[in-house]
Amino acid sequence: MACKNIITISRQFGSGGREIGEALSAELGIKCYDKELISIAAKESGIDADVFNNVDEKATNSLLYSLSMGLYSFSSNYSSGQLPVNDRLYLLQHKIIKNLANEEPCIFVGRCADYILGDRNDVVKVFIYADMDYRIKRAVEVKGVDSSKAEHVVAKTDKSRANYYNFYSGKKWGLAENYDLCINRTKLSTEQVVKVISDYINTIN
């Protein structure tokens, strides 16, 4: 059996997915890719990173357009320049994630990485979630969200991430059966979550 050396982290907003990814990266000595994927996509495409940042992990507004252009089959009968910028970013990140996973062990945060790498047998798919009160508090204290708007921002961001994942993968975001490990980190520190993931990987390898 192949060694499980690629980790994908899907996460609810405010659950600390990026922080966990970075801590796991330090623990395992492998690279973690989150916003870095936007920088790589911008460099490869020549499109300003700010443009991609505005649509990152957001599904296109034109479902019918994307279907008609053959997005799901990744066919060659369209020009990527004709696609909405959301779809162009997804296609770029799709390619980049596959290439990076082929190069060396690494961690991917979000961006449908679990789906994109679904045909590999060396991937551990993790979903991080937490109670709403925990995520609201973290949104205010860590991300600087206005306390009066925090609950709305948390719910809206989760909805956006779910729409993005559901749209591009055809699966349901947050559904336990899509992941190897689902962790409620409400009562766990980042270090404890990292240990849970590390122990799981060591157990199955």
N, C-alpha and C. Protein backbone atom coordinates (compact mmCIF):
# COMPACT_ATOMS: atom_id res chain seq x y z
N MET A 1 0.85 -1.21 0.00
CA MET A 1 0.00 0.00 0.00
C MET A 1 0.87 1.25 0.00
N ALA A 2 0.47 2.24 -0.79
CA ALA A 2 1.26 3.47 -0.89
C ALA A 2 1.25 4.24 0.42
N CYS A 3 2.35 4.87 0.70
CA CYS A 3 2.45 5.71 1.90
C CYS A 3 1.56 6.93 1.74
N LYS A 4 0.78 7.23 2.78
CA LYS A 4 -0.13 8.38 2.72
C LYS A 4 0.66 9.65 3.01
N ASN A 5 1.15 10.30 1.98
CA ASN A 5 2.03 11.45 2.18
C ASN A 5 1.52 12.75 1.59
N ILE A 6 0.26 12.76 1.12
CA ILE A 6 -0.40 13.98 0.67
C ILE A 6 -1.59 14.21 1.59
N ILE A 7 -1.71 15.40 2.14
CA ILE A 7 -2.83 15.71 3.04
C ILE A 7 -3.63 16.86 2.47
N THR A 8 -4.95 16.69 2.39
CA THR A 8 -5.82 17.80 2.00
C THR A 8 -6.66 18.20 3.21
N ILE A 9 -6.79 19.50 3.41
CA ILE A 9 -7.55 20.02 4.54
C ILE A 9 -8.69 20.91 4.03
N SER A 10 -9.91 20.41 4.19
CA SER A 10 -11.09 21.23 3.95
C SER A 10 -11.51 21.79 5.30
N ARG A 11 -12.12 22.97 5.31
CA ARG A 11 -12.38 23.58 6.62
C ARG A 11 -13.52 24.57 6.59
N GLN A 12 -14.27 24.60 7.70
CA GLN A 12 -15.26 25.64 7.90
C GLN A 12 -14.53 26.95 8.20
N PHE A 13 -15.15 28.06 7.84
CA PHE A 13 -14.55 29.35 8.12
C PHE A 13 -14.48 29.58 9.63
N GLY A 14 -13.30 29.98 10.10
CA GLY A 14 -13.11 30.25 11.52
C GLY A 14 -12.69 29.03 12.32
N SER A 15 -12.51 27.89 11.65
CA SER A 15 -12.11 26.68 12.37
C SER A 15 -10.59 26.55 12.47
N GLY A 16 -9.86 27.42 11.79
CA GLY A 16 -8.40 27.42 11.89
C GLY A 16 -7.71 26.46 10.94
N GLY A 17 -8.31 26.19 9.80
CA GLY A 17 -7.75 25.24 8.86
C GLY A 17 -6.36 25.61 8.36
N ARG A 18 -6.17 26.88 8.03
CA ARG A 18 -4.86 27.30 7.54
C ARG A 18 -3.80 27.17 8.63
N GLU A 19 -4.14 27.59 9.84
CA GLU A 19 -3.21 27.49 10.96
C GLU A 19 -2.83 26.03 11.22
N ILE A 20 -3.81 25.15 11.15
CA ILE A 20 -3.55 23.72 11.34
C ILE A 20 -2.66 23.20 10.22
N GLY A 21 -2.93 23.62 8.99
CA GLY A 21 -2.10 23.20 7.87
C GLY A 21 -0.66 23.62 8.03
N GLU A 22 -0.44 24.86 8.47
CA GLU A 22 0.92 25.35 8.66
C GLU A 22 1.63 24.62 9.80
N ALA A 23 0.89 24.35 10.88
CA ALA A 23 1.48 23.64 12.02
C ALA A 23 1.80 22.19 11.63
N LEU A 24 0.94 21.59 10.84
CA LEU A 24 1.17 20.22 10.37
C LEU A 24 2.37 20.19 9.42
N SER A 25 2.50 21.23 8.63
CA SER A 25 3.64 21.37 7.72
C SER A 25 4.95 21.38 8.50
N ALA A 26 4.98 22.15 9.59
CA ALA A 26 6.17 22.22 10.42
C ALA A 26 6.45 20.89 11.11
N GLU A 27 5.40 20.22 11.55
CA GLU A 27 5.54 18.94 12.25
C GLU A 27 6.07 17.84 11.33
N LEU A 28 5.57 17.81 10.11
CA LEU A 28 5.92 16.73 9.17
C LEU A 28 7.10 17.09 8.27
N GLY A 29 7.45 18.37 8.24
CA GLY A 29 8.55 18.80 7.39
C GLY A 29 8.22 18.78 5.91
N ILE A 30 6.95 19.08 5.59
CA ILE A 30 6.54 19.14 4.20
C ILE A 30 5.84 20.48 3.94
N LYS A 31 5.74 20.88 2.69
CA LYS A 31 5.19 22.18 2.34
C LYS A 31 3.66 22.20 2.47
N CYS A 32 3.14 23.39 2.79
CA CYS A 32 1.70 23.61 2.87
C CYS A 32 1.31 24.67 1.85
N TYR A 33 0.30 24.38 1.05
CA TYR A 33 -0.16 25.32 0.03
C TYR A 33 -1.59 25.77 0.32
N ASP A 34 -1.76 27.07 0.44
CA ASP A 34 -3.08 27.66 0.62
C ASP A 34 -3.16 28.85 -0.34
N LYS A 35 -3.00 30.04 0.15
CA LYS A 35 -2.99 31.22 -0.72
C LYS A 35 -1.83 31.18 -1.71
N GLU A 36 -0.82 30.39 -1.41
CA GLU A 36 0.33 30.27 -2.31
C GLU A 36 -0.10 29.78 -3.69
N LEU A 37 -1.20 29.02 -3.73
CA LEU A 37 -1.70 28.51 -5.01
C LEU A 37 -2.15 29.65 -5.92
N ILE A 38 -2.64 30.74 -5.32
CA ILE A 38 -3.06 31.90 -6.12
C ILE A 38 -1.84 32.56 -6.74
N SER A 39 -0.79 32.70 -5.96
CA SER A 39 0.43 33.33 -6.48
C SER A 39 1.01 32.53 -7.64
N ILE A 40 1.00 31.20 -7.49
CA ILE A 40 1.53 30.34 -8.55
C ILE A 40 0.65 30.46 -9.80
N ALA A 41 -0.67 30.46 -9.61
CA ALA A 41 -1.59 30.57 -10.74
C ALA A 41 -1.43 31.92 -11.45
N ALA A 42 -1.24 32.98 -10.67
CA ALA A 42 -1.05 34.31 -11.25
C ALA A 42 0.23 34.36 -12.08
N LYS A 43 1.28 33.77 -11.54
CA LYS A 43 2.56 33.77 -12.25
C LYS A 43 2.47 32.98 -13.55
N GLU A 44 1.78 31.85 -13.52
CA GLU A 44 1.69 31.01 -14.71
C GLU A 44 0.79 31.62 -15.78
N SER A 45 -0.24 32.35 -15.35
CA SER A 45 -1.22 32.87 -16.30
C SER A 45 -0.96 34.30 -16.74
N GLY A 46 -0.18 35.04 -15.93
CA GLY A 46 0.04 36.45 -16.22
C GLY A 46 -1.10 37.34 -15.76
N ILE A 47 -2.05 36.75 -15.05
CA ILE A 47 -3.19 37.50 -14.52
C ILE A 47 -2.84 38.01 -13.13
N ASP A 48 -3.22 39.25 -12.83
CA ASP A 48 -2.91 39.87 -11.54
C ASP A 48 -3.47 39.03 -10.40
N ALA A 49 -2.67 38.80 -9.38
CA ALA A 49 -3.08 37.99 -8.24
C ALA A 49 -4.31 38.56 -7.54
N ASP A 50 -4.45 39.90 -7.55
CA ASP A 50 -5.61 40.53 -6.90
C ASP A 50 -6.91 40.11 -7.58
N VAL A 51 -6.86 39.92 -8.89
CA VAL A 51 -8.04 39.47 -9.64
C VAL A 51 -8.45 38.08 -9.16
N PHE A 52 -7.47 37.21 -9.02
CA PHE A 52 -7.75 35.85 -8.55
C PHE A 52 -8.19 35.84 -7.09
N ASN A 53 -7.60 36.70 -6.28
CA ASN A 53 -7.99 36.76 -4.86
C ASN A 53 -9.47 37.07 -4.70
N ASN A 54 -10.01 37.88 -5.59
CA ASN A 54 -11.41 38.29 -5.50
C ASN A 54 -12.39 37.16 -5.80
N VAL A 55 -11.92 36.13 -6.50
CA VAL A 55 -12.82 35.03 -6.87
C VAL A 55 -12.37 33.69 -6.28
N ASP A 56 -11.35 33.72 -5.43
CA ASP A 56 -10.81 32.49 -4.87
C ASP A 56 -11.87 31.71 -4.10
N GLU A 57 -11.98 30.43 -4.37
CA GLU A 57 -12.94 29.53 -3.75
C GLU A 57 -14.38 30.04 -3.86
N LYS A 58 -14.69 30.63 -5.01
CA LYS A 58 -16.05 31.06 -5.31
C LYS A 58 -16.43 30.49 -6.66
N ALA A 59 -17.60 29.87 -6.71
CA ALA A 59 -18.07 29.28 -7.96
C ALA A 59 -18.47 30.38 -8.93
N THR A 60 -18.38 30.07 -10.22
CA THR A 60 -18.80 31.02 -11.23
C THR A 60 -20.28 31.34 -11.08
N ASN A 61 -20.67 32.52 -11.50
CA ASN A 61 -22.08 32.91 -11.44
C ASN A 61 -22.87 32.33 -12.60
N SER A 62 -22.17 31.74 -13.57
CA SER A 62 -22.84 31.24 -14.76
C SER A 62 -22.66 29.73 -14.89
N LEU A 63 -23.51 28.97 -14.20
CA LEU A 63 -23.44 27.53 -14.25
C LEU A 63 -23.67 27.01 -15.67
N LEU A 64 -24.70 27.52 -16.33
CA LEU A 64 -25.01 27.04 -17.67
C LEU A 64 -23.88 27.35 -18.64
N TYR A 65 -23.24 28.52 -18.47
CA TYR A 65 -22.14 28.88 -19.35
C TYR A 65 -20.99 27.88 -19.19
N SER A 66 -20.66 27.58 -17.96
CA SER A 66 -19.55 26.66 -17.72
C SER A 66 -19.86 25.26 -18.24
N LEU A 67 -21.11 24.82 -18.06
CA LEU A 67 -21.49 23.52 -18.58
C LEU A 67 -21.38 23.48 -20.09
N SER A 68 -21.83 24.55 -20.73
CA SER A 68 -21.81 24.59 -22.19
C SER A 68 -20.38 24.64 -22.73
N MET A 69 -19.46 25.16 -21.92
CA MET A 69 -18.07 25.24 -22.36
C MET A 69 -17.28 23.97 -22.02
N GLY A 70 -17.96 22.98 -21.43
CA GLY A 70 -17.31 21.70 -21.17
C GLY A 70 -16.37 21.70 -19.99
N LEU A 71 -16.62 22.55 -19.00
CA LEU A 71 -15.70 22.66 -17.86
C LEU A 71 -15.50 21.33 -17.15
N TYR A 72 -16.61 20.61 -16.92
CA TYR A 72 -16.51 19.42 -16.11
C TYR A 72 -15.68 18.31 -16.73
N SER A 73 -15.66 18.27 -18.06
CA SER A 73 -14.91 17.21 -18.71
C SER A 73 -13.49 17.63 -19.03
N PHE A 74 -13.16 18.90 -18.78
CA PHE A 74 -11.84 19.43 -19.08
C PHE A 74 -11.47 19.15 -20.53
N SER A 75 -12.47 19.22 -21.42
CA SER A 75 -12.23 18.94 -22.82
C SER A 75 -11.45 20.09 -23.45
N SER A 76 -10.93 19.85 -24.63
CA SER A 76 -10.08 20.83 -25.28
C SER A 76 -10.84 21.65 -26.32
N ASN A 77 -12.17 21.60 -26.27
CA ASN A 77 -12.93 22.29 -27.30
C ASN A 77 -13.32 23.70 -26.90
N TYR A 78 -12.56 24.30 -25.97
CA TYR A 78 -12.82 25.69 -25.61
C TYR A 78 -11.49 26.38 -25.33
N SER A 79 -11.53 27.68 -25.36
CA SER A 79 -10.35 28.47 -25.00
C SER A 79 -10.51 28.94 -23.57
N SER A 80 -9.50 28.66 -22.74
CA SER A 80 -9.61 29.05 -21.33
C SER A 80 -9.79 30.54 -21.17
N GLY A 81 -9.35 31.31 -22.16
CA GLY A 81 -9.51 32.75 -22.09
C GLY A 81 -10.95 33.20 -22.21
N GLN A 82 -11.83 32.29 -22.69
CA GLN A 82 -13.25 32.62 -22.82
C GLN A 82 -14.03 32.33 -21.56
N LEU A 83 -13.42 31.62 -20.63
CA LEU A 83 -14.11 31.24 -19.41
C LEU A 83 -14.15 32.39 -18.41
N PRO A 84 -15.16 32.39 -17.52
CA PRO A 84 -15.16 33.35 -16.41
C PRO A 84 -13.88 33.17 -15.59
N VAL A 85 -13.44 34.22 -14.94
CA VAL A 85 -12.17 34.16 -14.22
C VAL A 85 -12.20 33.11 -13.11
N ASN A 86 -13.38 32.88 -12.51
CA ASN A 86 -13.50 31.83 -11.49
C ASN A 86 -13.08 30.48 -12.05
N ASP A 87 -13.58 30.19 -13.24
CA ASP A 87 -13.29 28.89 -13.86
C ASP A 87 -11.84 28.80 -14.31
N ARG A 88 -11.31 29.90 -14.78
CA ARG A 88 -9.91 29.91 -15.20
C ARG A 88 -9.00 29.63 -14.00
N LEU A 89 -9.33 30.24 -12.86
CA LEU A 89 -8.54 30.00 -11.65
C LEU A 89 -8.66 28.55 -11.21
N TYR A 90 -9.88 27.99 -11.26
CA TYR A 90 -10.06 26.60 -10.85
C TYR A 90 -9.23 25.67 -11.74
N LEU A 91 -9.27 25.89 -13.04
CA LEU A 91 -8.53 25.03 -13.96
C LEU A 91 -7.02 25.13 -13.71
N LEU A 92 -6.55 26.34 -13.45
CA LEU A 92 -5.13 26.53 -13.16
C LEU A 92 -4.75 25.82 -11.86
N GLN A 93 -5.56 26.02 -10.82
CA GLN A 93 -5.24 25.39 -9.54
C GLN A 93 -5.35 23.88 -9.63
N HIS A 94 -6.29 23.39 -10.42
CA HIS A 94 -6.43 21.96 -10.65
C HIS A 94 -5.12 21.38 -11.17
N LYS A 95 -4.57 22.03 -12.18
CA LYS A 95 -3.31 21.57 -12.78
C LYS A 95 -2.15 21.70 -11.80
N ILE A 96 -2.09 22.83 -11.10
CA ILE A 96 -0.99 23.09 -10.17
C ILE A 96 -1.00 22.09 -9.02
N ILE A 97 -2.18 21.81 -8.46
CA ILE A 97 -2.30 20.85 -7.36
C ILE A 97 -1.84 19.46 -7.79
N LYS A 98 -2.25 19.04 -8.96
CA LYS A 98 -1.82 17.73 -9.47
C LYS A 98 -0.30 17.68 -9.65
N ASN A 99 0.25 18.75 -10.22
CA ASN A 99 1.70 18.78 -10.47
C ASN A 99 2.49 18.76 -9.17
N LEU A 100 2.06 19.58 -8.19
CA LEU A 100 2.76 19.63 -6.91
C LEU A 100 2.69 18.30 -6.17
N ALA A 101 1.52 17.65 -6.24
CA ALA A 101 1.36 16.35 -5.58
C ALA A 101 2.25 15.29 -6.22
N ASN A 102 2.54 15.45 -7.49
CA ASN A 102 3.42 14.50 -8.18
C ASN A 102 4.89 14.71 -7.83
N GLU A 103 5.21 15.93 -7.36
CA GLU A 103 6.60 16.27 -7.10
C GLU A 103 7.10 15.80 -5.74
N GLU A 104 6.27 15.96 -4.69
CA GLU A 104 6.73 15.65 -3.34
C GLU A 104 5.57 15.64 -2.37
N PRO A 105 5.74 15.06 -1.17
CA PRO A 105 4.70 15.10 -0.15
C PRO A 105 4.36 16.56 0.19
N CYS A 106 3.08 16.86 0.40
CA CYS A 106 2.68 18.23 0.72
C CYS A 106 1.27 18.26 1.28
N ILE A 107 0.87 19.45 1.68
CA ILE A 107 -0.45 19.68 2.28
C ILE A 107 -1.16 20.74 1.45
N PHE A 108 -2.44 20.52 1.15
CA PHE A 108 -3.25 21.49 0.44
C PHE A 108 -4.43 21.90 1.32
N VAL A 109 -4.67 23.20 1.43
CA VAL A 109 -5.79 23.71 2.20
C VAL A 109 -6.87 24.19 1.24
N GLY A 110 -8.05 23.57 1.29
CA GLY A 110 -9.17 23.98 0.47
C GLY A 110 -9.00 23.71 -1.01
N ARG A 111 -9.75 24.46 -1.82
CA ARG A 111 -9.66 24.47 -3.29
C ARG A 111 -9.91 23.11 -3.94
N CYS A 112 -10.82 22.35 -3.35
CA CYS A 112 -11.24 21.06 -3.90
C CYS A 112 -10.09 20.07 -4.06
N ALA A 113 -9.02 20.25 -3.31
CA ALA A 113 -7.85 19.38 -3.47
C ALA A 113 -8.19 17.91 -3.23
N ASP A 114 -9.08 17.64 -2.28
CA ASP A 114 -9.45 16.24 -2.01
C ASP A 114 -10.12 15.62 -3.22
N TYR A 115 -10.92 16.40 -3.92
CA TYR A 115 -11.58 15.91 -5.14
C TYR A 115 -10.59 15.80 -6.29
N ILE A 116 -9.76 16.81 -6.46
CA ILE A 116 -8.79 16.84 -7.56
C ILE A 116 -7.83 15.66 -7.47
N LEU A 117 -7.47 15.28 -6.25
CA LEU A 117 -6.53 14.18 -6.05
C LEU A 117 -7.23 12.87 -5.69
N GLY A 118 -8.51 12.82 -5.98
CA GLY A 118 -9.32 11.67 -5.59
C GLY A 118 -8.95 10.35 -6.23
N ASP A 119 -8.19 10.40 -7.31
CA ASP A 119 -7.80 9.16 -7.99
C ASP A 119 -6.49 8.58 -7.43
N ARG A 120 -5.90 9.24 -6.45
CA ARG A 120 -4.65 8.76 -5.85
C ARG A 120 -4.95 7.97 -4.58
N ASN A 121 -4.06 7.04 -4.27
CA ASN A 121 -4.24 6.25 -3.05
C ASN A 121 -3.27 6.63 -1.95
N ASP A 122 -2.61 7.78 -2.13
CA ASP A 122 -1.64 8.24 -1.12
C ASP A 122 -2.09 9.54 -0.46
N VAL A 123 -3.40 9.78 -0.46
CA VAL A 123 -3.95 11.04 0.06
C VAL A 123 -4.78 10.81 1.31
N VAL A 124 -4.56 11.65 2.34
CA VAL A 124 -5.40 11.68 3.52
C VAL A 124 -6.26 12.93 3.45
N LYS A 125 -7.57 12.75 3.46
CA LYS A 125 -8.51 13.86 3.29
C LYS A 125 -9.11 14.22 4.65
N VAL A 126 -8.85 15.44 5.08
CA VAL A 126 -9.27 15.88 6.42
C VAL A 126 -10.29 17.01 6.29
N PHE A 127 -11.30 16.98 7.15
CA PHE A 127 -12.27 18.09 7.24
C PHE A 127 -12.25 18.62 8.66
N ILE A 128 -12.00 19.93 8.80
CA ILE A 128 -11.94 20.59 10.11
C ILE A 128 -13.21 21.42 10.30
N TYR A 129 -13.89 21.20 11.42
CA TYR A 129 -15.08 21.99 11.71
C TYR A 129 -15.06 22.39 13.19
N ALA A 130 -15.99 23.24 13.57
CA ALA A 130 -16.05 23.70 14.96
C ALA A 130 -17.42 24.28 15.24
N ASP A 131 -17.75 24.42 16.51
CA ASP A 131 -19.02 25.02 16.89
C ASP A 131 -19.09 26.47 16.42
N MET A 132 -20.29 26.95 16.16
CA MET A 132 -20.46 28.30 15.64
C MET A 132 -19.89 29.35 16.59
N ASP A 133 -20.13 29.23 17.88
CA ASP A 133 -19.63 30.22 18.84
C ASP A 133 -18.11 30.32 18.77
N TYR A 134 -17.45 29.18 18.63
CA TYR A 134 -15.98 29.16 18.53
C TYR A 134 -15.54 29.89 17.28
N ARG A 135 -16.22 29.63 16.18
CA ARG A 135 -15.82 30.22 14.91
C ARG A 135 -16.11 31.72 14.85
N ILE A 136 -17.19 32.13 15.48
CA ILE A 136 -17.48 33.57 15.55
C ILE A 136 -16.39 34.28 16.35
N LYS A 137 -16.04 33.71 17.49
CA LYS A 137 -14.99 34.31 18.33
C LYS A 137 -13.67 34.39 17.59
N ARG A 138 -13.33 33.33 16.88
CA ARG A 138 -12.07 33.31 16.14
C ARG A 138 -12.10 34.31 14.98
N ALA A 139 -13.25 34.43 14.33
CA ALA A 139 -13.38 35.38 13.22
C ALA A 139 -13.11 36.81 13.69
N VAL A 140 -13.57 37.11 14.89
CA VAL A 140 -13.37 38.45 15.46
C VAL A 140 -11.93 38.64 15.92
N GLU A 141 -11.42 37.68 16.68
CA GLU A 141 -10.11 37.84 17.32
C GLU A 141 -8.93 37.60 16.37
N VAL A 142 -9.08 36.67 15.46
CA VAL A 142 -7.96 36.31 14.58
C VAL A 142 -8.06 36.98 13.22
N LYS A 143 -9.27 37.04 12.67
CA LYS A 143 -9.43 37.57 11.33
C LYS A 143 -9.89 39.02 11.29
N GLY A 144 -10.18 39.59 12.47
CA GLY A 144 -10.52 41.00 12.54
C GLY A 144 -11.89 41.35 12.01
N VAL A 145 -12.81 40.40 12.03
CA VAL A 145 -14.17 40.65 11.56
C VAL A 145 -14.95 41.43 12.62
N ASP A 146 -15.74 42.39 12.18
CA ASP A 146 -16.58 43.18 13.09
C ASP A 146 -17.49 42.23 13.87
N SER A 147 -17.51 42.36 15.19
CA SER A 147 -18.28 41.44 16.02
C SER A 147 -19.76 41.44 15.69
N SER A 148 -20.29 42.59 15.25
CA SER A 148 -21.71 42.67 14.93
C SER A 148 -22.04 41.95 13.62
N LYS A 149 -21.02 41.67 12.83
CA LYS A 149 -21.24 41.02 11.54
C LYS A 149 -20.64 39.62 11.47
N ALA A 150 -19.99 39.20 12.54
CA ALA A 150 -19.20 37.96 12.51
C ALA A 150 -20.03 36.74 12.15
N GLU A 151 -21.19 36.57 12.78
CA GLU A 151 -22.00 35.38 12.50
C GLU A 151 -22.42 35.34 11.04
N HIS A 152 -22.78 36.50 10.50
CA HIS A 152 -23.17 36.58 9.09
C HIS A 152 -22.00 36.24 8.17
N VAL A 153 -20.82 36.76 8.50
CA VAL A 153 -19.62 36.51 7.69
C VAL A 153 -19.26 35.03 7.71
N VAL A 154 -19.32 34.42 8.88
CA VAL A 154 -19.00 32.99 9.01
C VAL A 154 -19.96 32.17 8.15
N ALA A 155 -21.26 32.42 8.28
CA ALA A 155 -22.26 31.66 7.53
C ALA A 155 -22.14 31.90 6.03
N LYS A 156 -21.89 33.15 5.64
CA LYS A 156 -21.79 33.49 4.22
C LYS A 156 -20.55 32.84 3.59
N THR A 157 -19.43 32.86 4.32
CA THR A 157 -18.21 32.27 3.79
C THR A 157 -18.34 30.76 3.66
N ASP A 158 -18.97 30.13 4.64
CA ASP A 158 -19.21 28.69 4.55
C ASP A 158 -20.08 28.36 3.35
N LYS A 159 -21.11 29.17 3.13
CA LYS A 159 -22.00 28.94 1.99
C LYS A 159 -21.25 29.07 0.68
N SER A 160 -20.36 30.06 0.61
CA SER A 160 -19.57 30.27 -0.59
C SER A 160 -18.63 29.09 -0.84
N ARG A 161 -17.99 28.61 0.21
CA ARG A 161 -17.09 27.47 0.08
C ARG A 161 -17.86 26.21 -0.32
N ALA A 162 -19.03 26.04 0.27
CA ALA A 162 -19.85 24.88 -0.07
C ALA A 162 -20.28 24.93 -1.54
N ASN A 163 -20.72 26.10 -2.00
CA ASN A 163 -21.14 26.25 -3.40
C ASN A 163 -19.98 25.96 -4.34
N TYR A 164 -18.81 26.45 -3.99
CA TYR A 164 -17.61 26.24 -4.80
C TYR A 164 -17.29 24.75 -4.90
N TYR A 165 -17.25 24.09 -3.76
CA TYR A 165 -16.90 22.67 -3.73
C TYR A 165 -17.97 21.84 -4.45
N ASN A 166 -19.23 22.10 -4.14
CA ASN A 166 -20.31 21.33 -4.74
C ASN A 166 -20.34 21.50 -6.25
N PHE A 167 -20.09 22.74 -6.71
CA PHE A 167 -20.15 23.06 -8.12
C PHE A 167 -19.05 22.36 -8.91
N TYR A 168 -17.81 22.47 -8.44
CA TYR A 168 -16.70 21.93 -9.19
C TYR A 168 -16.48 20.43 -8.98
N SER A 169 -16.88 19.90 -7.84
CA SER A 169 -16.64 18.48 -7.57
C SER A 169 -17.85 17.60 -7.85
N GLY A 170 -19.04 18.20 -7.77
CA GLY A 170 -20.24 17.40 -7.89
C GLY A 170 -20.54 16.61 -6.63
N LYS A 171 -19.77 16.87 -5.56
CA LYS A 171 -19.98 16.23 -4.27
C LYS A 171 -20.50 17.26 -3.27
N LYS A 172 -20.79 16.80 -2.05
CA LYS A 172 -21.32 17.70 -1.03
C LYS A 172 -20.23 18.06 -0.04
N TRP A 173 -19.95 19.36 0.07
CA TRP A 173 -18.94 19.87 0.99
C TRP A 173 -19.33 19.55 2.43
N GLY A 174 -18.37 19.03 3.20
CA GLY A 174 -18.61 18.77 4.61
C GLY A 174 -19.26 17.43 4.91
N LEU A 175 -19.62 16.67 3.88
CA LEU A 175 -20.23 15.36 4.09
C LEU A 175 -19.15 14.37 4.52
N ALA A 176 -19.34 13.74 5.66
CA ALA A 176 -18.29 12.92 6.27
C ALA A 176 -17.73 11.86 5.33
N GLU A 177 -18.57 11.26 4.52
CA GLU A 177 -18.11 10.16 3.67
C GLU A 177 -17.12 10.59 2.60
N ASN A 178 -16.98 11.91 2.39
CA ASN A 178 -16.02 12.41 1.40
C ASN A 178 -14.61 12.55 1.97
N TYR A 179 -14.45 12.31 3.28
CA TYR A 179 -13.17 12.54 3.93
C TYR A 179 -12.73 11.31 4.73
N ASP A 180 -11.45 11.23 5.01
CA ASP A 180 -10.92 10.15 5.83
C ASP A 180 -11.02 10.47 7.32
N LEU A 181 -10.95 11.75 7.63
CA LEU A 181 -10.89 12.18 9.03
C LEU A 181 -11.63 13.51 9.19
N CYS A 182 -12.65 13.54 10.04
CA CYS A 182 -13.38 14.76 10.34
C CYS A 182 -13.14 15.12 11.80
N ILE A 183 -12.68 16.33 12.04
CA ILE A 183 -12.28 16.72 13.40
C ILE A 183 -13.03 17.97 13.86
N ASN A 184 -13.72 17.84 14.99
CA ASN A 184 -14.32 19.00 15.64
C ASN A 184 -13.25 19.57 16.57
N ARG A 185 -12.68 20.71 16.20
CA ARG A 185 -11.57 21.24 16.98
C ARG A 185 -12.00 22.27 18.03
N THR A 186 -13.28 22.33 18.32
CA THR A 186 -13.79 23.32 19.27
C THR A 186 -13.03 23.28 20.60
N LYS A 187 -12.79 22.07 21.11
CA LYS A 187 -12.12 21.92 22.40
C LYS A 187 -10.67 21.48 22.27
N LEU A 188 -10.15 21.53 21.05
CA LEU A 188 -8.78 21.08 20.81
C LEU A 188 -7.90 22.24 20.38
N SER A 189 -6.68 22.26 20.87
CA SER A 189 -5.71 23.25 20.42
C SER A 189 -5.20 22.84 19.04
N THR A 190 -4.52 23.78 18.38
CA THR A 190 -3.94 23.47 17.08
C THR A 190 -2.97 22.30 17.20
N GLU A 191 -2.17 22.31 18.26
CA GLU A 191 -1.19 21.25 18.48
C GLU A 191 -1.87 19.90 18.66
N GLN A 192 -3.00 19.88 19.35
CA GLN A 192 -3.72 18.63 19.56
C GLN A 192 -4.32 18.10 18.26
N VAL A 193 -4.82 19.01 17.44
CA VAL A 193 -5.38 18.59 16.13
C VAL A 193 -4.27 18.01 15.26
N VAL A 194 -3.12 18.68 15.26
CA VAL A 194 -1.97 18.18 14.49
C VAL A 194 -1.58 16.78 14.96
N LYS A 195 -1.62 16.55 16.26
CA LYS A 195 -1.27 15.22 16.79
C LYS A 195 -2.28 14.18 16.34
N VAL A 196 -3.56 14.55 16.33
CA VAL A 196 -4.60 13.61 15.88
C VAL A 196 -4.35 13.22 14.42
N ILE A 197 -4.05 14.19 13.58
CA ILE A 197 -3.79 13.91 12.16
C ILE A 197 -2.52 13.10 11.99
N SER A 198 -1.48 13.49 12.70
CA SER A 198 -0.19 12.79 12.61
C SER A 198 -0.33 11.34 13.06
N ASP A 199 -1.04 11.13 14.18
CA ASP A 199 -1.23 9.77 14.70
C ASP A 199 -2.03 8.92 13.71
N TYR A 200 -3.03 9.54 13.09
CA TYR A 200 -3.84 8.83 12.11
C TYR A 200 -2.98 8.38 10.93
N ILE A 201 -2.15 9.30 10.43
CA ILE A 201 -1.27 8.99 9.29
C ILE A 201 -0.30 7.88 9.65
N ASN A 202 0.27 7.95 10.86
CA ASN A 202 1.22 6.93 11.30
C ASN A 202 0.54 5.57 11.44
N THR A 203 -0.73 5.59 11.85
CA THR A 203 -1.48 4.34 12.05
C THR A 203 -1.75 3.62 10.73
N ILE A 204 -2.06 4.39 9.69
CA ILE A 204 -2.45 3.75 8.42
C ILE A 204 -1.27 3.50 7.50
N ASN A 205 -0.12 4.11 7.80
CA ASN A 205 1.07 3.89 6.94
C ASN A 205 1.81 2.61 7.34
